[in-house]
Amino acid sequence: MGKERLKQQKEHKMRMTPGTYYVWCGGSCDYGHEERCSGGAYIMQKDEAIIDRYVIADDHTTEFRMILSVMIHAMEIVPEGSDIVFLTNAAYIQNFDKAPTPRSANPDLIARCIEAKQRHNTVSVKIVQYHKSPLLIETHDLSTEAMKRLRVEYNKTRKDDDK
């Protein structure tokens, strides 16, 4: 019975509403290094097909900024009037569309999210379990690789500047 249950879990697919854009988004941040490189990525699906991948990285920033940035990018490229569901394990992005306060982190990006959201019929965030979401794991891997590449470039540039 245990093997059968495992097989059912592997075969279980998330129900997707036809025509809705599902955007798996994740990020990585390297808090342990001076340059604090971070990366963000998404994998976009529509009608169960992967239609786009997007990856960014920056230095001296956070994973939160990178995830908000990929969300903005997705909302800007998806056709106006669409329905979008962001899927992530990063619970802190649930407030991506709440008016920033003086204590809010990244008020500039939250304001851009609010503006971009207005172009669409619905935009929501769904929290999913990381280890059960292969596409979410892939976004993390993509963002981590982008972050690592940026760190190598950053350190190479610093060494070249020191010469």
N, C-alpha and C. Protein backbone atom coordinates (compact mmCIF):
# COMPACT_ATOMS: atom_id res chain seq x y z
N MET A 1 0.82 -1.20 0.00
CA MET A 1 0.00 0.00 0.00
C MET A 1 0.86 1.26 0.00
N GLY A 2 2.03 1.22 0.65
CA GLY A 2 2.92 2.38 0.70
C GLY A 2 3.41 2.78 -0.67
N LYS A 3 3.78 1.81 -1.51
CA LYS A 3 4.26 2.09 -2.86
C LYS A 3 3.16 2.70 -3.72
N GLU A 4 1.95 2.22 -3.54
CA GLU A 4 0.81 2.75 -4.30
C GLU A 4 0.56 4.22 -3.95
N ARG A 5 0.65 4.54 -2.67
CA ARG A 5 0.44 5.92 -2.24
C ARG A 5 1.53 6.83 -2.81
N LEU A 6 2.76 6.37 -2.81
CA LEU A 6 3.85 7.12 -3.39
C LEU A 6 3.62 7.37 -4.88
N LYS A 7 3.16 6.35 -5.58
CA LYS A 7 2.86 6.48 -7.00
C LYS A 7 1.76 7.52 -7.23
N GLN A 8 0.72 7.51 -6.39
CA GLN A 8 -0.36 8.48 -6.52
C GLN A 8 0.14 9.89 -6.29
N GLN A 9 1.03 10.08 -5.30
CA GLN A 9 1.57 11.40 -5.03
C GLN A 9 2.37 11.91 -6.22
N LYS A 10 3.16 11.03 -6.84
CA LYS A 10 3.96 11.43 -8.00
C LYS A 10 3.07 11.80 -9.18
N GLU A 11 1.97 11.09 -9.31
CA GLU A 11 1.07 11.33 -10.44
C GLU A 11 0.14 12.51 -10.21
N HIS A 12 0.03 12.96 -8.94
CA HIS A 12 -0.87 14.06 -8.63
C HIS A 12 -0.40 15.34 -9.32
N LYS A 13 -1.28 15.97 -10.03
CA LYS A 13 -0.97 17.22 -10.70
C LYS A 13 -1.86 18.31 -10.14
N MET A 14 -1.32 19.50 -10.09
CA MET A 14 -2.12 20.63 -9.65
C MET A 14 -3.19 20.92 -10.71
N ARG A 15 -4.37 21.19 -10.26
CA ARG A 15 -5.43 21.55 -11.21
C ARG A 15 -5.21 22.97 -11.69
N MET A 16 -5.22 23.10 -13.00
CA MET A 16 -4.99 24.41 -13.60
C MET A 16 -6.22 24.83 -14.38
N THR A 17 -6.60 26.07 -14.18
CA THR A 17 -7.73 26.64 -14.90
C THR A 17 -7.27 27.03 -16.30
N PRO A 18 -7.95 26.54 -17.34
CA PRO A 18 -7.55 26.90 -18.71
C PRO A 18 -7.50 28.42 -18.88
N GLY A 19 -6.47 28.88 -19.58
CA GLY A 19 -6.33 30.31 -19.86
C GLY A 19 -5.62 31.10 -18.78
N THR A 20 -5.47 30.54 -17.61
CA THR A 20 -4.79 31.23 -16.51
C THR A 20 -3.28 31.03 -16.63
N TYR A 21 -2.54 32.06 -16.33
CA TYR A 21 -1.08 31.99 -16.32
C TYR A 21 -0.64 31.59 -14.91
N TYR A 22 0.13 30.52 -14.83
CA TYR A 22 0.68 30.05 -13.56
C TYR A 22 2.17 30.34 -13.58
N VAL A 23 2.64 31.11 -12.61
CA VAL A 23 4.02 31.56 -12.60
C VAL A 23 4.69 31.05 -11.32
N TRP A 24 5.54 30.04 -11.49
CA TRP A 24 6.32 29.48 -10.39
C TRP A 24 7.49 30.42 -10.17
N CYS A 25 7.62 30.99 -8.97
CA CYS A 25 8.71 31.92 -8.75
C CYS A 25 9.47 31.62 -7.47
N GLY A 26 10.77 31.78 -7.57
CA GLY A 26 11.64 31.52 -6.42
C GLY A 26 12.89 32.35 -6.52
N GLY A 27 13.66 32.28 -5.46
CA GLY A 27 14.88 33.07 -5.42
C GLY A 27 15.93 32.47 -4.53
N SER A 28 17.09 33.11 -4.57
CA SER A 28 18.22 32.71 -3.75
C SER A 28 18.96 33.97 -3.31
N CYS A 29 19.53 33.90 -2.13
CA CYS A 29 20.33 35.01 -1.64
C CYS A 29 21.53 34.44 -0.90
N ASP A 30 22.65 35.06 -1.11
CA ASP A 30 23.89 34.61 -0.53
C ASP A 30 24.30 35.58 0.58
N TYR A 31 23.68 35.44 1.73
CA TYR A 31 23.93 36.36 2.84
C TYR A 31 25.34 36.24 3.40
N GLY A 32 26.04 35.16 3.11
CA GLY A 32 27.34 34.91 3.70
C GLY A 32 28.52 35.58 3.00
N HIS A 33 28.27 36.33 1.95
CA HIS A 33 29.36 36.96 1.21
C HIS A 33 29.18 38.48 1.21
N GLU A 34 30.31 39.17 1.14
CA GLU A 34 30.30 40.64 1.16
C GLU A 34 29.42 41.23 0.05
N GLU A 35 29.50 40.62 -1.15
CA GLU A 35 28.76 41.18 -2.28
C GLU A 35 27.27 40.85 -2.24
N ARG A 36 26.88 39.93 -1.37
CA ARG A 36 25.48 39.54 -1.16
C ARG A 36 24.69 39.48 -2.47
N CYS A 37 25.12 38.61 -3.34
CA CYS A 37 24.42 38.41 -4.60
C CYS A 37 23.09 37.68 -4.35
N SER A 38 22.11 38.03 -5.14
CA SER A 38 20.81 37.38 -5.05
C SER A 38 20.31 37.12 -6.46
N GLY A 39 19.45 36.13 -6.57
CA GLY A 39 18.88 35.79 -7.86
C GLY A 39 17.39 35.52 -7.73
N GLY A 40 16.68 35.66 -8.82
CA GLY A 40 15.26 35.35 -8.87
C GLY A 40 14.94 34.70 -10.21
N ALA A 41 13.93 33.87 -10.21
CA ALA A 41 13.56 33.19 -11.46
C ALA A 41 12.08 32.85 -11.44
N TYR A 42 11.53 32.73 -12.64
CA TYR A 42 10.19 32.17 -12.75
C TYR A 42 10.13 31.21 -13.92
N ILE A 43 9.16 30.32 -13.83
CA ILE A 43 8.78 29.44 -14.92
C ILE A 43 7.28 29.65 -15.10
N MET A 44 6.88 30.07 -16.29
CA MET A 44 5.48 30.39 -16.55
C MET A 44 4.81 29.28 -17.34
N GLN A 45 3.61 28.92 -16.88
CA GLN A 45 2.80 27.93 -17.57
C GLN A 45 1.46 28.52 -17.94
N LYS A 46 0.94 28.03 -19.03
CA LYS A 46 -0.43 28.34 -19.43
C LYS A 46 -0.96 27.08 -20.11
N ASP A 47 -2.14 26.68 -19.72
CA ASP A 47 -2.75 25.46 -20.27
C ASP A 47 -1.79 24.27 -20.16
N GLU A 48 -1.13 24.19 -19.01
CA GLU A 48 -0.23 23.10 -18.62
C GLU A 48 1.06 23.03 -19.43
N ALA A 49 1.31 24.01 -20.30
CA ALA A 49 2.56 24.04 -21.07
C ALA A 49 3.47 25.14 -20.53
N ILE A 50 4.75 24.88 -20.47
CA ILE A 50 5.71 25.91 -20.08
C ILE A 50 5.88 26.85 -21.27
N ILE A 51 5.62 28.14 -21.03
CA ILE A 51 5.68 29.11 -22.12
C ILE A 51 6.78 30.14 -21.96
N ASP A 52 7.39 30.23 -20.76
CA ASP A 52 8.44 31.21 -20.57
C ASP A 52 9.25 30.86 -19.33
N ARG A 53 10.53 31.22 -19.38
CA ARG A 53 11.44 31.15 -18.22
C ARG A 53 12.15 32.50 -18.16
N TYR A 54 12.40 32.96 -16.95
CA TYR A 54 13.06 34.25 -16.77
C TYR A 54 13.93 34.17 -15.52
N VAL A 55 15.16 34.67 -15.64
CA VAL A 55 16.11 34.62 -14.52
C VAL A 55 16.84 35.96 -14.43
N ILE A 56 17.01 36.47 -13.21
CA ILE A 56 17.79 37.69 -12.99
C ILE A 56 18.68 37.49 -11.77
N ALA A 57 19.69 38.34 -11.67
CA ALA A 57 20.55 38.35 -10.49
C ALA A 57 21.10 39.76 -10.32
N ASP A 58 21.41 40.09 -9.08
CA ASP A 58 21.99 41.40 -8.79
C ASP A 58 22.84 41.27 -7.54
N ASP A 59 23.74 42.23 -7.35
CA ASP A 59 24.55 42.20 -6.13
C ASP A 59 24.03 43.22 -5.13
N HIS A 60 24.45 43.07 -3.89
CA HIS A 60 24.06 43.96 -2.80
C HIS A 60 22.55 44.11 -2.69
N THR A 61 21.86 42.99 -2.74
CA THR A 61 20.40 43.01 -2.67
C THR A 61 19.91 41.75 -1.97
N THR A 62 18.60 41.53 -2.03
CA THR A 62 18.00 40.40 -1.31
C THR A 62 17.17 39.53 -2.25
N GLU A 63 16.93 38.35 -1.79
CA GLU A 63 16.05 37.41 -2.50
C GLU A 63 14.65 38.02 -2.67
N PHE A 64 14.16 38.72 -1.65
CA PHE A 64 12.85 39.34 -1.70
C PHE A 64 12.75 40.31 -2.88
N ARG A 65 13.77 41.16 -3.05
CA ARG A 65 13.76 42.09 -4.19
C ARG A 65 13.76 41.34 -5.51
N MET A 66 14.52 40.27 -5.59
CA MET A 66 14.60 39.51 -6.83
C MET A 66 13.27 38.85 -7.17
N ILE A 67 12.60 38.29 -6.16
CA ILE A 67 11.30 37.66 -6.42
C ILE A 67 10.26 38.70 -6.83
N LEU A 68 10.23 39.85 -6.14
CA LEU A 68 9.31 40.91 -6.55
C LEU A 68 9.62 41.37 -7.97
N SER A 69 10.89 41.44 -8.32
CA SER A 69 11.29 41.87 -9.67
C SER A 69 10.82 40.89 -10.73
N VAL A 70 10.94 39.58 -10.47
CA VAL A 70 10.46 38.62 -11.49
C VAL A 70 8.94 38.65 -11.58
N MET A 71 8.28 38.92 -10.46
CA MET A 71 6.81 39.04 -10.50
C MET A 71 6.39 40.22 -11.37
N ILE A 72 7.07 41.35 -11.19
CA ILE A 72 6.77 42.54 -12.00
C ILE A 72 6.99 42.21 -13.48
N HIS A 73 8.10 41.58 -13.79
CA HIS A 73 8.38 41.22 -15.18
C HIS A 73 7.26 40.36 -15.75
N ALA A 74 6.83 39.37 -14.99
CA ALA A 74 5.75 38.49 -15.46
C ALA A 74 4.47 39.28 -15.71
N MET A 75 4.11 40.14 -14.77
CA MET A 75 2.87 40.92 -14.94
C MET A 75 2.96 41.88 -16.11
N GLU A 76 4.17 42.34 -16.44
CA GLU A 76 4.34 43.25 -17.57
C GLU A 76 4.28 42.54 -18.92
N ILE A 77 4.69 41.28 -18.98
CA ILE A 77 4.70 40.61 -20.28
C ILE A 77 3.43 39.82 -20.57
N VAL A 78 2.70 39.45 -19.53
CA VAL A 78 1.45 38.71 -19.73
C VAL A 78 0.42 39.68 -20.31
N PRO A 79 -0.37 39.26 -21.28
CA PRO A 79 -1.36 40.15 -21.90
C PRO A 79 -2.32 40.77 -20.87
N GLU A 80 -2.61 42.02 -21.11
CA GLU A 80 -3.52 42.76 -20.24
C GLU A 80 -4.85 42.02 -20.08
N GLY A 81 -5.45 42.10 -18.90
CA GLY A 81 -6.74 41.48 -18.63
C GLY A 81 -6.67 40.00 -18.31
N SER A 82 -5.46 39.50 -18.08
CA SER A 82 -5.27 38.06 -17.81
C SER A 82 -5.50 37.73 -16.33
N ASP A 83 -5.57 36.44 -16.07
CA ASP A 83 -5.59 35.90 -14.71
C ASP A 83 -4.22 35.28 -14.47
N ILE A 84 -3.59 35.66 -13.35
CA ILE A 84 -2.24 35.18 -13.02
C ILE A 84 -2.25 34.61 -11.61
N VAL A 85 -1.63 33.45 -11.45
CA VAL A 85 -1.42 32.87 -10.13
C VAL A 85 0.08 32.67 -9.96
N PHE A 86 0.65 33.32 -8.95
CA PHE A 86 2.06 33.12 -8.61
C PHE A 86 2.13 31.98 -7.61
N LEU A 87 2.99 31.02 -7.87
CA LEU A 87 3.17 29.86 -7.00
C LEU A 87 4.57 29.93 -6.41
N THR A 88 4.67 29.88 -5.08
CA THR A 88 5.95 30.02 -4.41
C THR A 88 5.89 29.42 -3.02
N ASN A 89 7.05 29.21 -2.44
CA ASN A 89 7.11 28.82 -1.04
C ASN A 89 7.51 30.01 -0.17
N ALA A 90 7.71 31.17 -0.78
CA ALA A 90 8.13 32.39 -0.07
C ALA A 90 6.90 33.16 0.42
N ALA A 91 6.47 32.84 1.63
CA ALA A 91 5.23 33.40 2.16
C ALA A 91 5.25 34.93 2.24
N TYR A 92 6.44 35.52 2.37
CA TYR A 92 6.50 36.97 2.52
C TYR A 92 6.06 37.74 1.29
N ILE A 93 5.90 37.10 0.14
CA ILE A 93 5.43 37.85 -1.03
C ILE A 93 3.91 37.91 -1.11
N GLN A 94 3.23 37.31 -0.15
CA GLN A 94 1.77 37.36 -0.16
C GLN A 94 1.25 38.80 -0.09
N ASN A 95 2.03 39.70 0.45
CA ASN A 95 1.62 41.10 0.58
C ASN A 95 2.18 41.97 -0.54
N PHE A 96 2.43 41.36 -1.68
CA PHE A 96 3.01 42.09 -2.81
C PHE A 96 2.11 43.21 -3.31
N ASP A 97 0.83 43.15 -2.96
CA ASP A 97 -0.12 44.14 -3.47
C ASP A 97 -0.76 44.99 -2.37
N LYS A 98 -0.13 45.01 -1.19
CA LYS A 98 -0.61 45.84 -0.08
C LYS A 98 0.19 47.14 -0.07
N ALA A 99 -0.51 48.25 0.08
CA ALA A 99 0.16 49.55 0.07
C ALA A 99 1.31 49.56 1.07
N PRO A 100 2.50 49.96 0.62
CA PRO A 100 3.64 49.97 1.53
C PRO A 100 3.49 51.02 2.63
N THR A 101 4.06 50.71 3.76
CA THR A 101 4.10 51.64 4.89
C THR A 101 5.55 52.10 5.06
N PRO A 102 5.79 53.06 5.95
CA PRO A 102 7.18 53.47 6.17
C PRO A 102 8.09 52.32 6.63
N ARG A 103 7.53 51.27 7.18
CA ARG A 103 8.32 50.14 7.65
C ARG A 103 8.42 49.01 6.63
N SER A 104 7.76 49.15 5.50
CA SER A 104 7.77 48.10 4.48
C SER A 104 9.15 47.97 3.85
N ALA A 105 9.55 46.73 3.61
CA ALA A 105 10.75 46.49 2.82
C ALA A 105 10.38 46.64 1.35
N ASN A 106 11.26 47.23 0.58
CA ASN A 106 11.10 47.35 -0.88
C ASN A 106 9.82 48.07 -1.31
N PRO A 107 9.52 49.23 -0.73
CA PRO A 107 8.28 49.93 -1.11
C PRO A 107 8.23 50.29 -2.59
N ASP A 108 9.40 50.52 -3.21
CA ASP A 108 9.45 50.85 -4.63
C ASP A 108 8.92 49.69 -5.48
N LEU A 109 9.36 48.48 -5.16
CA LEU A 109 8.91 47.32 -5.94
C LEU A 109 7.47 46.94 -5.62
N ILE A 110 7.07 47.11 -4.39
CA ILE A 110 5.66 46.83 -4.05
C ILE A 110 4.76 47.80 -4.81
N ALA A 111 5.15 49.07 -4.89
CA ALA A 111 4.35 50.04 -5.66
C ALA A 111 4.27 49.62 -7.13
N ARG A 112 5.37 49.13 -7.68
CA ARG A 112 5.36 48.66 -9.07
C ARG A 112 4.47 47.42 -9.23
N CYS A 113 4.48 46.53 -8.24
CA CYS A 113 3.60 45.35 -8.28
C CYS A 113 2.14 45.79 -8.29
N ILE A 114 1.80 46.73 -7.43
CA ILE A 114 0.42 47.22 -7.35
C ILE A 114 0.00 47.81 -8.70
N GLU A 115 0.89 48.59 -9.29
CA GLU A 115 0.60 49.19 -10.60
C GLU A 115 0.43 48.11 -11.68
N ALA A 116 1.35 47.15 -11.72
CA ALA A 116 1.30 46.10 -12.74
C ALA A 116 0.07 45.21 -12.56
N LYS A 117 -0.32 44.97 -11.33
CA LYS A 117 -1.49 44.13 -11.05
C LYS A 117 -2.76 44.73 -11.63
N GLN A 118 -2.84 46.04 -11.66
CA GLN A 118 -4.04 46.72 -12.15
C GLN A 118 -4.32 46.43 -13.62
N ARG A 119 -3.33 45.98 -14.36
CA ARG A 119 -3.50 45.64 -15.78
C ARG A 119 -4.28 44.36 -15.99
N HIS A 120 -4.45 43.58 -14.92
CA HIS A 120 -4.97 42.23 -15.06
C HIS A 120 -6.32 42.02 -14.37
N ASN A 121 -7.01 40.99 -14.81
CA ASN A 121 -8.29 40.63 -14.22
C ASN A 121 -8.09 40.20 -12.76
N THR A 122 -7.25 39.18 -12.54
CA THR A 122 -6.93 38.74 -11.19
C THR A 122 -5.45 38.39 -11.11
N VAL A 123 -4.86 38.66 -9.96
CA VAL A 123 -3.48 38.26 -9.68
C VAL A 123 -3.46 37.81 -8.23
N SER A 124 -2.98 36.59 -8.02
CA SER A 124 -2.94 36.07 -6.65
C SER A 124 -1.65 35.30 -6.41
N VAL A 125 -1.39 35.02 -5.13
CA VAL A 125 -0.23 34.23 -4.73
C VAL A 125 -0.73 32.99 -4.02
N LYS A 126 -0.19 31.86 -4.42
CA LYS A 126 -0.52 30.60 -3.75
C LYS A 126 0.77 30.03 -3.19
N ILE A 127 0.76 29.70 -1.90
CA ILE A 127 1.92 29.11 -1.26
C ILE A 127 1.87 27.61 -1.48
N VAL A 128 2.97 27.06 -1.96
CA VAL A 128 3.06 25.62 -2.25
C VAL A 128 4.25 25.04 -1.51
N GLN A 129 4.21 23.74 -1.30
CA GLN A 129 5.31 23.06 -0.62
C GLN A 129 6.47 22.89 -1.59
N TYR A 130 7.61 23.35 -1.15
CA TYR A 130 8.81 23.34 -2.00
C TYR A 130 9.15 21.94 -2.50
N HIS A 131 9.25 21.00 -1.59
CA HIS A 131 9.73 19.66 -1.95
C HIS A 131 8.75 18.88 -2.82
N LYS A 132 7.52 19.35 -2.97
CA LYS A 132 6.53 18.67 -3.81
C LYS A 132 6.32 19.38 -5.14
N SER A 133 7.15 20.38 -5.43
CA SER A 133 6.94 21.22 -6.60
C SER A 133 8.19 21.26 -7.47
N PRO A 134 8.33 20.33 -8.41
CA PRO A 134 9.53 20.29 -9.25
C PRO A 134 9.84 21.61 -9.96
N LEU A 135 8.82 22.32 -10.41
CA LEU A 135 9.09 23.59 -11.10
C LEU A 135 9.57 24.66 -10.13
N LEU A 136 9.10 24.61 -8.90
CA LEU A 136 9.58 25.55 -7.89
C LEU A 136 11.05 25.25 -7.55
N ILE A 137 11.37 23.98 -7.43
CA ILE A 137 12.76 23.59 -7.20
C ILE A 137 13.63 24.08 -8.36
N GLU A 138 13.13 23.96 -9.58
CA GLU A 138 13.88 24.44 -10.74
C GLU A 138 14.11 25.95 -10.68
N THR A 139 13.11 26.72 -10.24
CA THR A 139 13.31 28.18 -10.14
C THR A 139 14.41 28.49 -9.14
N HIS A 140 14.43 27.74 -8.06
CA HIS A 140 15.50 27.95 -7.06
C HIS A 140 16.86 27.62 -7.67
N ASP A 141 16.94 26.52 -8.39
CA ASP A 141 18.21 26.13 -9.03
C ASP A 141 18.65 27.19 -10.05
N LEU A 142 17.71 27.68 -10.86
CA LEU A 142 18.03 28.71 -11.85
C LEU A 142 18.54 29.98 -11.19
N SER A 143 17.86 30.41 -10.12
CA SER A 143 18.26 31.65 -9.44
C SER A 143 19.60 31.47 -8.72
N THR A 144 19.83 30.30 -8.16
CA THR A 144 21.10 30.03 -7.49
C THR A 144 22.25 30.06 -8.48
N GLU A 145 22.08 29.46 -9.64
CA GLU A 145 23.12 29.47 -10.66
C GLU A 145 23.41 30.90 -11.14
N ALA A 146 22.35 31.69 -11.34
CA ALA A 146 22.53 33.08 -11.77
C ALA A 146 23.28 33.87 -10.70
N MET A 147 22.95 33.64 -9.46
CA MET A 147 23.60 34.30 -8.34
C MET A 147 25.09 33.92 -8.29
N LYS A 148 25.38 32.64 -8.46
CA LYS A 148 26.78 32.18 -8.44
C LYS A 148 27.58 32.81 -9.58
N ARG A 149 27.00 32.85 -10.79
CA ARG A 149 27.69 33.46 -11.93
C ARG A 149 27.98 34.93 -11.66
N LEU A 150 27.00 35.63 -11.08
CA LEU A 150 27.18 37.04 -10.78
C LEU A 150 28.28 37.24 -9.73
N ARG A 151 28.32 36.38 -8.73
CA ARG A 151 29.36 36.49 -7.70
C ARG A 151 30.74 36.32 -8.32
N VAL A 152 30.89 35.36 -9.23
CA VAL A 152 32.18 35.16 -9.90
C VAL A 152 32.55 36.41 -10.70
N GLU A 153 31.61 36.96 -11.46
CA GLU A 153 31.87 38.19 -12.23
C GLU A 153 32.23 39.35 -11.31
N TYR A 154 31.48 39.50 -10.24
CA TYR A 154 31.70 40.58 -9.28
C TYR A 154 33.12 40.51 -8.71
N ASN A 155 33.51 39.32 -8.26
CA ASN A 155 34.84 39.15 -7.66
C ASN A 155 35.94 39.31 -8.70
N LYS A 156 35.71 38.86 -9.93
CA LYS A 156 36.70 39.04 -11.00
C LYS A 156 36.88 40.53 -11.28
N THR A 157 35.80 41.27 -11.35
CA THR A 157 35.86 42.71 -11.59
C THR A 157 36.62 43.41 -10.47
N ARG A 158 36.36 43.01 -9.23
CA ARG A 158 37.06 43.61 -8.08
C ARG A 158 38.56 43.34 -8.16
N LYS A 159 38.93 42.10 -8.54
CA LYS A 159 40.36 41.76 -8.66
C LYS A 159 41.00 42.56 -9.78
N ASP A 160 40.28 42.71 -10.91
CA ASP A 160 40.81 43.49 -12.03
C ASP A 160 40.98 44.96 -11.63
N ASP A 161 40.05 45.49 -10.84
CA ASP A 161 40.13 46.88 -10.37
C ASP A 161 41.29 47.09 -9.41
N ASP A 162 41.66 46.06 -8.68
CA ASP A 162 42.75 46.16 -7.70
C ASP A 162 44.13 46.12 -8.35
N LYS A 163 44.18 45.75 -9.62
CA LYS A 163 45.49 45.65 -10.32
C LYS A 163 46.06 47.00 -10.65
